C-alpha atoms as a PDB file:
ATOM      1  CA  MET A   1     -10.626 -13.563  -2.056  1.00  0.00           C
ATOM      2  CA  SER A   2     -11.334 -12.567  -5.681  1.00  0.00           C
ATOM      3  CA  GLY A   3     -14.653 -13.300  -5.869  1.00  0.00           C
ATOM      4  CA  ARG A   4     -14.764 -14.358  -9.391  1.00  0.00           C
ATOM      5  CA  ALA A   5     -14.789 -17.686 -10.221  1.00  0.00           C
ATOM      6  CA  LYS A   6     -13.769 -17.677 -13.514  1.00  0.00           C
ATOM      7  CA  ARG A   7     -11.283 -15.701 -14.866  1.00  0.00           C
ATOM      8  CA  THR A   8     -12.501 -13.796 -18.673  1.00  0.00           C
ATOM      9  CA  PRO A   9     -10.235 -11.850 -20.823  1.00  0.00           C
ATOM     10  CA  PRO A  10      -8.717  -8.626 -19.508  1.00  0.00           C
ATOM     11  CA  ILE A  11     -10.329  -5.442 -21.917  1.00  0.00           C
ATOM     12  CA  LEU A  12      -7.528  -3.312 -22.591  1.00  0.00           C
ATOM     13  CA  GLY A  13      -7.340   0.221 -24.096  1.00  0.00           C
ATOM     14  CA  CYS A  14      -5.314   3.216 -23.464  1.00  0.00           C
ATOM     15  CA  HIS A  15      -5.941   7.260 -22.850  1.00  0.00           C
ATOM     16  CA  LEU A  16      -7.126   8.889 -25.920  1.00  0.00           C
ATOM     17  CA  SER A  17      -7.562  12.602 -26.323  1.00  0.00           C
ATOM     18  CA  ALA A  18     -10.805  14.082 -26.274  1.00  0.00           C
ATOM     19  CA  GLY A  19     -10.285  16.396 -29.333  1.00  0.00           C
ATOM     20  CA  MET A  20     -10.424  13.426 -31.629  1.00  0.00           C
ATOM     21  CA  GLY A  21     -14.455  13.181 -30.784  1.00  0.00           C
ATOM     22  CA  TYR A  22     -16.031  10.525 -29.370  1.00  0.00           C
ATOM     23  CA  VAL A  23     -16.660   8.365 -32.226  1.00  0.00           C
ATOM     24  CA  ALA A  24     -13.127   9.066 -33.366  1.00  0.00           C
ATOM     25  CA  MET A  25     -11.222   7.700 -30.058  1.00  0.00           C
ATOM     26  CA  ALA A  26     -13.583   4.511 -29.926  1.00  0.00           C
ATOM     27  CA  GLU A  27     -11.952   4.160 -34.319  1.00  0.00           C
ATOM     28  CA  ALA A  28      -8.763   4.539 -32.939  1.00  0.00           C
ATOM     29  CA  ALA A  29      -8.993   2.614 -30.235  1.00  0.00           C
ATOM     30  CA  LEU A  30     -10.144  -0.640 -32.442  1.00  0.00           C
ATOM     31  CA  GLY A  31      -7.533   0.239 -34.915  1.00  0.00           C
ATOM     32  CA  ILE A  32      -4.717  -0.487 -31.667  1.00  0.00           C
ATOM     33  CA  GLY A  33      -6.525  -3.735 -30.321  1.00  0.00           C
ATOM     34  CA  ALA A  34      -8.152  -2.192 -27.602  1.00  0.00           C
ATOM     35  CA  GLY A  35     -11.276  -2.636 -26.614  1.00  0.00           C
ATOM     36  CA  THR A  36     -12.133   0.305 -24.681  1.00  0.00           C
ATOM     37  CA  PHE A  37     -10.184   3.577 -23.952  1.00  0.00           C
ATOM     38  CA  GLN A  38     -10.315   6.546 -21.644  1.00  0.00           C
ATOM     39  CA  TYR A  39     -10.321  10.471 -21.618  1.00  0.00           C
ATOM     40  CA  PHE A  40     -10.473  13.944 -20.126  1.00  0.00           C
ATOM     41  CA  SER A  41     -13.970  14.999 -19.307  1.00  0.00           C
ATOM     42  CA  ARG A  42     -12.435  18.394 -19.614  1.00  0.00           C
ATOM     43  CA  ASN A  43      -9.048  19.905 -20.138  1.00  0.00           C
ATOM     44  CA  PRO A  44      -7.238  18.322 -17.754  1.00  0.00           C
ATOM     45  CA  ARG A  45      -5.424  20.953 -16.530  1.00  0.00           C
ATOM     46  CA  GLY A  46      -8.135  23.762 -16.896  1.00  0.00           C
ATOM     47  CA  ARG A  47     -11.733  24.159 -16.569  1.00  0.00           C
ATOM     48  CA  GLY A  48     -12.506  24.762 -20.417  1.00  0.00           C
ATOM     49  CA  VAL A  49     -14.715  22.031 -21.961  1.00  0.00           C
ATOM     50  CA  ARG A  50     -15.691  20.977 -25.494  1.00  0.00           C
ATOM     51  CA  PRO A  51     -19.393  22.146 -26.336  1.00  0.00           C
ATOM     52  CA  MET A  52     -21.260  19.205 -26.503  1.00  0.00           C
ATOM     53  CA  ASP A  53     -22.333  16.967 -29.893  1.00  0.00           C
ATOM     54  CA  SER A  54     -25.331  14.710 -28.796  1.00  0.00           C
ATOM     55  CA  GLU A  55     -24.938  12.934 -32.041  1.00  0.00           C
ATOM     56  CA  ASP A  56     -21.563  12.189 -31.744  1.00  0.00           C
ATOM     57  CA  ALA A  57     -22.711  10.227 -28.260  1.00  0.00           C
ATOM     58  CA  LYS A  58     -24.545   8.523 -29.614  1.00  0.00           C
ATOM     59  CA  GLY A  59     -22.830   7.483 -32.342  1.00  0.00           C
ATOM     60  CA  LEU A  60     -19.982   6.067 -29.930  1.00  0.00           C
ATOM     61  CA  VAL A  61     -22.805   4.205 -27.606  1.00  0.00           C
ATOM     62  CA  ARG A  62     -23.681   2.817 -31.199  1.00  0.00           C
ATOM     63  CA  LEU A  63     -20.271   1.610 -32.290  1.00  0.00           C
ATOM     64  CA  ALA A  64     -19.326   0.496 -28.863  1.00  0.00           C
ATOM     65  CA  ALA A  65     -22.295  -1.588 -28.965  1.00  0.00           C
ATOM     66  CA  GLU A  66     -22.185  -3.253 -32.194  1.00  0.00           C
ATOM     67  CA  ARG A  67     -18.324  -3.981 -31.702  1.00  0.00           C
ATOM     68  CA  GLY A  68     -18.437  -5.317 -27.907  1.00  0.00           C
ATOM     69  CA  MET A  69     -16.301  -2.294 -26.265  1.00  0.00           C
ATOM     70  CA  GLY A  70     -16.215  -2.548 -22.597  1.00  0.00           C
ATOM     71  CA  PRO A  71     -16.681   0.218 -20.615  1.00  0.00           C
ATOM     72  CA  ILE A  72     -15.674   3.640 -21.238  1.00  0.00           C
ATOM     73  CA  LEU A  73     -13.543   6.018 -18.658  1.00  0.00           C
ATOM     74  CA  ALA A  74     -14.427   9.816 -18.410  1.00  0.00           C
ATOM     75  CA  HIS A  75     -11.622  11.073 -16.408  1.00  0.00           C
ATOM     76  CA  ALA A  76     -12.009  14.120 -13.881  1.00  0.00           C
ATOM     77  CA  PRO A  77     -10.015  17.235 -14.516  1.00  0.00           C
ATOM     78  CA  TYR A  78      -6.646  16.544 -12.293  1.00  0.00           C
ATOM     79  CA  ILE A  79      -7.712  20.460 -10.328  1.00  0.00           C
ATOM     80  CA  TYR A  80     -10.947  19.508  -9.368  1.00  0.00           C
ATOM     81  CA  ASN A  81     -10.635  19.165  -5.533  1.00  0.00           C
ATOM     82  CA  LEU A  82     -13.407  18.473  -3.348  1.00  0.00           C
ATOM     83  CA  CYS A  83     -11.610  19.416  -0.389  1.00  0.00           C
ATOM     84  CA  SER A  84      -9.921  21.873  -1.146  1.00  0.00           C
ATOM     85  CA  ALA A  85      -9.385  24.885   1.933  1.00  0.00           C
ATOM     86  CA  ASP A  86     -11.051  27.213  -0.523  1.00  0.00           C
ATOM     87  CA  PRO A  87     -15.005  26.956  -0.605  1.00  0.00           C
ATOM     88  CA  HIS A  88     -15.260  28.447  -4.478  1.00  0.00           C
ATOM     89  CA  VAL A  89     -12.582  25.285  -5.340  1.00  0.00           C
ATOM     90  CA  ARG A  90     -14.897  23.836  -3.806  1.00  0.00           C
ATOM     91  CA  ASP A  91     -18.060  24.680  -5.192  1.00  0.00           C
ATOM     92  CA  TYR A  92     -16.674  25.026  -8.942  1.00  0.00           C
ATOM     93  CA  THR A  93     -15.687  21.079  -8.409  1.00  0.00           C
ATOM     94  CA  LYS A  94     -18.870  20.889  -7.578  1.00  0.00           C
ATOM     95  CA  GLY A  95     -20.707  22.238 -10.455  1.00  0.00           C
ATOM     96  CA  TYR A  96     -18.240  20.357 -12.846  1.00  0.00           C
ATOM     97  CA  ILE A  97     -18.790  17.170 -11.689  1.00  0.00           C
ATOM     98  CA  ARG A  98     -22.292  18.060 -12.488  1.00  0.00           C
ATOM     99  CA  GLU A  99     -21.577  19.359 -15.871  1.00  0.00           C
ATOM    100  CA  ASP A 100     -19.666  15.656 -16.286  1.00  0.00           C
ATOM    101  CA  LEU A 101     -21.806  13.714 -15.052  1.00  0.00           C
ATOM    102  CA  ALA A 102     -25.328  15.311 -17.263  1.00  0.00           C
ATOM    103  CA  ARG A 103     -22.692  14.373 -20.453  1.00  0.00           C
ATOM    104  CA  LEU A 104     -22.200  10.541 -19.140  1.00  0.00           C
ATOM    105  CA  GLU A 105     -25.985  10.770 -18.943  1.00  0.00           C
ATOM    106  CA  LEU A 106     -25.808  10.260 -22.984  1.00  0.00           C
ATOM    107  CA  MET A 107     -23.484   7.424 -22.862  1.00  0.00           C
ATOM    108  CA  GLN A 108     -24.749   4.819 -20.453  1.00  0.00           C
ATOM    109  CA  GLY A 109     -22.397   2.463 -19.108  1.00  0.00           C
ATOM    110  CA  SER A 110     -19.559   4.535 -18.859  1.00  0.00           C
ATOM    111  CA  LEU A 111     -17.235   4.884 -15.876  1.00  0.00           C
ATOM    112  CA  TYR A 112     -16.118   8.243 -14.381  1.00  0.00           C
ATOM    113  CA  VAL A 113     -12.972   8.908 -12.692  1.00  0.00           C
ATOM    114  CA  LEU A 114     -12.177  10.647  -9.727  1.00  0.00           C
ATOM    115  CA  HIS A 115      -8.847  11.684  -8.175  1.00  0.00           C
ATOM    116  CA  PRO A 116     -10.345  12.325  -4.244  1.00  0.00           C
ATOM    117  CA  GLY A 117      -8.637  15.905  -3.687  1.00  0.00           C
ATOM    118  CA  SER A 118      -5.724  17.351  -1.889  1.00  0.00           C
ATOM    119  CA  HIS A 119      -6.478  18.329   1.987  1.00  0.00           C
ATOM    120  CA  VAL A 120      -3.760  21.069   2.162  1.00  0.00           C
ATOM    121  CA  GLY A 121      -3.032  20.815   5.807  1.00  0.00           C
ATOM    122  CA  GLN A 122      -6.320  20.344   6.680  1.00  0.00           C
ATOM    123  CA  GLY A 123      -5.585  16.857   7.592  1.00  0.00           C
ATOM    124  CA  ALA A 124      -7.504  13.803   6.058  1.00  0.00           C
ATOM    125  CA  ASP A 125     -10.059  13.496   8.480  1.00  0.00           C
ATOM    126  CA  ALA A 126     -12.099  16.730   7.705  1.00  0.00           C
ATOM    127  CA  ALA A 127     -10.663  15.816   4.021  1.00  0.00           C
ATOM    128  CA  ILE A 128     -12.928  12.894   3.777  1.00  0.00           C
ATOM    129  CA  GLY A 129     -16.181  14.640   5.703  1.00  0.00           C
ATOM    130  CA  MET A 130     -15.668  17.460   2.754  1.00  0.00           C
ATOM    131  CA  ILE A 131     -15.284  14.942  -0.822  1.00  0.00           C
ATOM    132  CA  ALA A 132     -18.238  12.289   1.273  1.00  0.00           C
ATOM    133  CA  SER A 133     -20.874  15.870   1.579  1.00  0.00           C
ATOM    134  CA  ALA A 134     -20.237  16.846  -2.036  1.00  0.00           C
ATOM    135  CA  LEU A 135     -20.064  13.865  -3.732  1.00  0.00           C
ATOM    136  CA  ASP A 136     -23.842  13.022  -1.446  1.00  0.00           C
ATOM    137  CA  GLU A 137     -24.924  16.562  -2.625  1.00  0.00           C
ATOM    138  CA  VAL A 138     -23.919  15.908  -6.491  1.00  0.00           C
ATOM    139  CA  LEU A 139     -25.429  12.115  -6.638  1.00  0.00           C
ATOM    140  CA  SER A 140     -28.195  12.647  -4.640  1.00  0.00           C
ATOM    141  CA  GLU A 141     -29.611  14.261  -8.108  1.00  0.00           C
ATOM    142  CA  GLY A 142     -30.244  11.042  -9.552  1.00  0.00           C
ATOM    143  CA  PHE A 143     -27.390  10.847 -11.731  1.00  0.00           C
ATOM    144  CA  THR A 144     -26.380   7.320 -13.103  1.00  0.00           C
ATOM    145  CA  THR A 145     -22.578   6.941 -13.907  1.00  0.00           C
ATOM    146  CA  LYS A 146     -20.835   4.788 -11.152  1.00  0.00           C
ATOM    147  CA  VAL A 147     -18.040   7.477  -9.819  1.00  0.00           C
ATOM    148  CA  LEU A 148     -14.849   5.610  -9.197  1.00  0.00           C
ATOM    149  CA  LEU A 149     -12.393   6.808  -6.713  1.00  0.00           C
ATOM    150  CA  GLU A 150      -8.606   6.569  -7.609  1.00  0.00           C
ATOM    151  CA  THR A 151      -5.905   4.795  -5.939  1.00  0.00           C
ATOM    152  CA  MET A 152      -3.299   7.728  -5.167  1.00  0.00           C
ATOM    153  CA  SER A 153       0.226   7.538  -4.970  1.00  0.00           C
ATOM    154  CA  GLY A 154       0.085  10.025  -1.393  1.00  0.00           C
ATOM    155  CA  LYS A 155       2.327  12.951  -2.693  1.00  0.00           C
ATOM    156  CA  GLY A 156       1.952  16.575  -0.760  1.00  0.00           C
ATOM    157  CA  THR A 157      -1.442  16.144   0.999  1.00  0.00           C
ATOM    158  CA  GLU A 158      -3.110  13.500  -1.805  1.00  0.00           C
ATOM    159  CA  VAL A 159      -6.052  11.746  -0.074  1.00  0.00           C
ATOM    160  CA  GLY A 160      -6.601   8.175  -0.931  1.00  0.00           C
ATOM    161  CA  GLY A 161      -2.718   7.263  -0.900  1.00  0.00           C
ATOM    162  CA  ARG A 162      -4.142   4.407   1.783  1.00  0.00           C
ATOM    163  CA  PHE A 163      -7.080   2.043   1.124  1.00  0.00           C
ATOM    164  CA  GLY A 164      -8.716   2.661   4.250  1.00  0.00           C
ATOM    165  CA  GLU A 165      -9.119   6.409   3.237  1.00  0.00           C
ATOM    166  CA  LEU A 166     -11.114   6.165   0.258  1.00  0.00           C
ATOM    167  CA  ARG A 167     -12.860   3.131   2.630  1.00  0.00           C
ATOM    168  CA  ALA A 168     -13.994   6.517   4.554  1.00  0.00           C
ATOM    169  CA  ILE A 169     -15.306   8.377   2.176  1.00  0.00           C
ATOM    170  CA  MET A 170     -17.951   5.506   0.730  1.00  0.00           C
ATOM    171  CA  ASP A 171     -18.444   5.002   4.437  1.00  0.00           C
ATOM    172  CA  ALA A 172     -19.480   8.641   5.147  1.00  0.00           C
ATOM    173  CA  MET A 173     -21.769   8.757   2.229  1.00  0.00           C
ATOM    174  CA  THR A 174     -25.050   8.077   1.921  1.00  0.00           C
ATOM    175  CA  TRP A 175     -24.872   7.467  -1.735  1.00  0.00           C
ATOM    176  CA  GLY A 176     -21.715   5.627  -1.017  1.00  0.00           C
ATOM    177  CA  GLY A 177     -23.491   2.335  -3.195  1.00  0.00           C
ATOM    178  CA  LYS A 178     -22.731   4.675  -6.245  1.00  0.00           C
ATOM    179  CA  VAL A 179     -19.247   4.835  -5.736  1.00  0.00           C
ATOM    180  CA  GLY A 180     -16.432   2.229  -7.035  1.00  0.00           C
ATOM    181  CA  LEU A 181     -12.810   2.048  -7.531  1.00  0.00           C
ATOM    182  CA  CYS A 182     -10.255   2.490  -9.857  1.00  0.00           C
ATOM    183  CA  LEU A 183      -6.667   1.315  -8.782  1.00  0.00           C
ATOM    184  CA  ASP A 184      -3.729   2.549 -10.453  1.00  0.00           C
ATOM    185  CA  THR A 185      -0.827   0.147  -9.957  1.00  0.00           C
ATOM    186  CA  CYS A 186       2.126   2.886  -9.927  1.00  0.00           C
ATOM    187  CA  HIS A 187       0.412   5.210  -7.678  1.00  0.00           C
ATOM    188  CA  ALA A 188      -0.186   1.909  -4.882  1.00  0.00           C
ATOM    189  CA  TYR A 189       3.416   0.970  -5.755  1.00  0.00           C
ATOM    190  CA  ASP A 190       4.820   4.664  -4.835  1.00  0.00           C
ATOM    191  CA  ALA A 191       2.316   4.898  -2.350  1.00  0.00           C
ATOM    192  CA  GLY A 192       4.104   1.614  -0.694  1.00  0.00           C
ATOM    193  CA  TYR A 193       1.953  -1.040  -1.340  1.00  0.00           C
ATOM    194  CA  ASP A 194       4.198  -3.961  -2.755  1.00  0.00           C
ATOM    195  CA  MET A 195       2.090  -4.659  -5.790  1.00  0.00           C
ATOM    196  CA  VAL A 196       5.896  -6.863  -7.460  1.00  0.00           C
ATOM    197  CA  GLY A 197       6.863  -8.897  -5.161  1.00  0.00           C
ATOM    198  CA  MET A 198       3.258  -9.103  -2.674  1.00  0.00           C
ATOM    199  CA  MET A 199       0.225  -9.220  -4.683  1.00  0.00           C
ATOM    200  CA  GLY A 200      -2.352 -11.040  -3.253  1.00  0.00           C
ATOM    201  CA  ALA A 201      -1.416  -9.638   0.487  1.00  0.00           C
ATOM    202  CA  VAL A 202      -2.259  -5.848  -1.582  1.00  0.00           C
ATOM    203  CA  LEU A 203      -5.139  -7.912  -2.691  1.00  0.00           C
ATOM    204  CA  SER A 204      -6.446  -9.240   0.431  1.00  0.00           C
ATOM    205  CA  GLU A 205      -5.421  -5.612   2.064  1.00  0.00           C
ATOM    206  CA  LEU A 206      -6.904  -3.727  -0.415  1.00  0.00           C
ATOM    207  CA  ASP A 207     -10.546  -6.957  -0.275  1.00  0.00           C
ATOM    208  CA  ASP A 208     -10.662  -6.378   3.514  1.00  0.00           C
ATOM    209  CA  ALA A 209     -10.347  -2.036   3.647  1.00  0.00           C
ATOM    210  CA  VAL A 210     -13.026  -1.384   0.218  1.00  0.00           C
ATOM    211  CA  GLY A 211     -13.596  -4.853  -1.203  1.00  0.00           C
ATOM    212  CA  LEU A 212     -12.951  -5.900  -4.340  1.00  0.00           C
ATOM    213  CA  GLY A 213     -16.409  -6.127  -5.162  1.00  0.00           C
ATOM    214  CA  ARG A 214     -16.280  -2.289  -5.504  1.00  0.00           C
ATOM    215  CA  LEU A 215     -13.412  -2.642  -8.200  1.00  0.00           C
ATOM    216  CA  SER A 216     -14.330  -1.457 -11.200  1.00  0.00           C
ATOM    217  CA  ALA A 217     -11.349  -0.485 -13.365  1.00  0.00           C
ATOM    218  CA  VAL A 218      -7.554  -0.572 -13.424  1.00  0.00           C
ATOM    219  CA  HIS A 219      -4.967   2.310 -14.458  1.00  0.00           C
ATOM    220  CA  VAL A 220      -2.192   0.085 -16.362  1.00  0.00           C
ATOM    221  CA  ASN A 221       0.992   1.791 -16.045  1.00  0.00           C
ATOM    222  CA  ASP A 222       4.892   1.041 -14.699  1.00  0.00           C
ATOM    223  CA  SER A 223       6.579   3.164 -12.714  1.00  0.00           C
ATOM    224  CA  LYS A 224       9.746   5.808 -12.916  1.00  0.00           C
ATOM    225  CA  ASN A 225      10.579   5.592  -9.252  1.00  0.00           C
ATOM    226  CA  GLY A 226      10.581   3.285  -6.542  1.00  0.00           C
ATOM    227  CA  LEU A 227       7.888   1.385  -4.069  1.00  0.00           C
ATOM    228  CA  GLY A 228       6.918   3.604  -1.798  1.00  0.00           C
ATOM    229  CA  CYS A 229       8.482   7.437  -3.605  1.00  0.00           C
ATOM    230  CA  ARG A 230       5.120   9.021  -3.228  1.00  0.00           C
ATOM    231  CA  LYS A 231       5.903  10.577  -6.527  1.00  0.00           C
ATOM    232  CA  ASP A 232       3.366   9.425  -9.020  1.00  0.00           C
ATOM    233  CA  ARG A 233       5.397   9.489 -11.691  1.00  0.00           C
ATOM    234  CA  HIS A 234       4.225   6.814 -14.728  1.00  0.00           C
ATOM    235  CA  GLU A 235       6.355   4.445 -17.230  1.00  0.00           C
ATOM    236  CA  ARG A 236       5.934   2.494 -19.932  1.00  0.00           C
ATOM    237  CA  ILE A 237       4.975  -1.533 -19.014  1.00  0.00           C
ATOM    238  CA  GLY A 238       8.475  -3.300 -18.322  1.00  0.00           C
ATOM    239  CA  GLU A 239      10.851   0.088 -18.367  1.00  0.00           C
ATOM    240  CA  GLY A 240      10.146   1.199 -14.942  1.00  0.00           C
ATOM    241  CA  THR A 241      11.013   0.035 -11.348  1.00  0.00           C
ATOM    242  CA  MET A 242       8.070  -2.559 -11.662  1.00  0.00           C
ATOM    243  CA  GLY A 243       9.211  -4.668 -14.688  1.00  0.00           C
ATOM    244  CA  ALA A 244       7.786  -6.717 -17.164  1.00  0.00           C
ATOM    245  CA  ALA A 245       6.822 -10.336 -15.153  1.00  0.00           C
ATOM    246  CA  PHE A 246       4.812  -8.268 -12.852  1.00  0.00           C
ATOM    247  CA  PHE A 247       2.092  -6.770 -15.705  1.00  0.00           C
ATOM    248  CA  GLY A 248       2.067 -10.726 -16.876  1.00  0.00           C
ATOM    249  CA  ALA A 249       0.785 -11.595 -13.266  1.00  0.00           C
ATOM    250  CA  LEU A 250      -1.571  -8.579 -13.269  1.00  0.00           C
ATOM    251  CA  ILE A 251      -3.060  -9.752 -16.613  1.00  0.00           C
ATOM    252  CA  ALA A 252      -3.109 -13.299 -15.191  1.00  0.00           C
ATOM    253  CA  GLU A 253      -4.982 -12.138 -11.721  1.00  0.00           C
ATOM    254  CA  PRO A 254      -8.186 -13.351 -11.579  1.00  0.00           C
ATOM    255  CA  ALA A 255      -9.405  -9.984  -9.139  1.00  0.00           C
ATOM    256  CA  PHE A 256      -8.790  -8.081 -12.480  1.00  0.00           C
ATOM    257  CA  SER A 257     -10.968 -10.396 -14.888  1.00  0.00           C
ATOM    258  CA  GLY A 258     -13.512  -8.940 -17.026  1.00  0.00           C
ATOM    259  CA  LEU A 259     -12.408  -5.340 -15.575  1.00  0.00           C
ATOM    260  CA  PRO A 260     -11.569  -2.280 -18.280  1.00  0.00           C
ATOM    261  CA  MET A 261      -7.796  -2.053 -17.481  1.00  0.00           C
ATOM    262  CA  VAL A 262      -6.505   0.737 -19.142  1.00  0.00           C
ATOM    263  CA  LEU A 263      -2.590   2.027 -19.972  1.00  0.00           C
ATOM    264  CA  GLU A 264      -1.612   6.139 -19.138  1.00  0.00           C
ATOM    265  CA  THR A 265       1.849   5.403 -19.858  1.00  0.00           C
ATOM    266  CA  PRO A 266       3.756   8.138 -21.564  1.00  0.00           C
ATOM    267  CA  ASN A 267       3.230   6.836 -24.865  1.00  0.00           C
ATOM    268  CA  ASP A 268       1.920   7.598 -28.852  1.00  0.00           C
ATOM    269  CA  MET A 269      -0.624   5.831 -30.309  1.00  0.00           C
ATOM    270  CA  GLY A 270       2.194   3.156 -31.831  1.00  0.00           C
ATOM    271  CA  GLY A 271       3.739   3.134 -28.079  1.00  0.00           C
ATOM    272  CA  TYR A 272       0.156   1.662 -26.909  1.00  0.00           C
ATOM    273  CA  ALA A 273      -0.732  -0.929 -30.217  1.00  0.00           C
ATOM    274  CA  ARG A 274       3.109  -2.447 -28.729  1.00  0.00           C
ATOM    275  CA  GLU A 275       2.183  -2.306 -25.221  1.00  0.00           C
ATOM    276  CA  ILE A 276      -1.564  -3.657 -25.994  1.00  0.00           C
ATOM    277  CA  SER A 277       0.023  -6.389 -27.650  1.00  0.00           C
ATOM    278  CA  LEU A 278       2.301  -7.129 -25.076  1.00  0.00           C
ATOM    279  CA  LEU A 279       0.044  -7.345 -22.493  1.00  0.00           C
ATOM    280  CA  LYS A 280      -2.543  -9.945 -25.342  1.00  0.00           C
ATOM    281  CA  GLY A 281       0.621 -11.728 -25.458  1.00  0.00           C
ATOM    282  CA  MET A 282       0.976 -12.258 -21.231  1.00  0.00           C
ATOM    283  CA  ALA A 283      -2.741 -12.607 -21.377  1.00  0.00           C
ATOM    284  CA  ASP A 284      -2.271 -15.553 -23.764  1.00  0.00           C
ATOM    285  CA  VAL A 285       0.544 -17.578 -21.803  1.00  0.00           C
ATOM    286  CA  GLY A 286      -1.848 -17.100 -18.645  1.00  0.00           C
ATOM    287  CA  ASP A 287      -4.414 -18.828 -20.263  1.00  0.00           C
END
């Protein structure tokens, strides 16, 4: 099922503020024992973006290579919506994705995480076509960074709460080979996939629907709410409804071997350091 014959250690990291700068983020991540990190490509709830510092970006590439850091994740802002009913929103989303991917050309090997969008009443089928068409338009321009569609909780009219919707987007694309998957543990659980009680069955369903070979990153989050709540409320590891034991099983699961696994829990740097240490300890137990 996993397609991975040998388990390798997880590449653990956390979400950091891009205001620190690229090299500073990498140094902060390394300082708490992380092997990767994630940051927002621009203001997560707005459209503003810092001027690009190409020397800082090159410094990140050098430092990551020197220290053996895993793939670094840039997360698109929440306001992006490729399937909005408003054509202006769709157009500016495409434009900002182009800008984000152009920046990431300076940081080869990065991954770009994108929420698929919300259909706002148009229906999932129409939304899937819009998302596929928009991504094709952008990716046809030759960008090399892999775009990862994130699994969603299914709240409101979100697209991506079901694995099949993500596969449908990829299948509708000409450039679908440039698109992968980011699995969010909280989102999947909140969407109704029982990661805690039936992780093997969930991974089999994911493999059948999308293919585990497309899985390129994992967001590691506990949930404040119960299975199938469709709420999307992250909690610290072991303090939510998913429980600490689940994360031990997650870290040990061969399907996630060698993938970047990034914390998005409600934490400061000290909290992230503790969680990374906790997860590393779970990984050692599983070896």
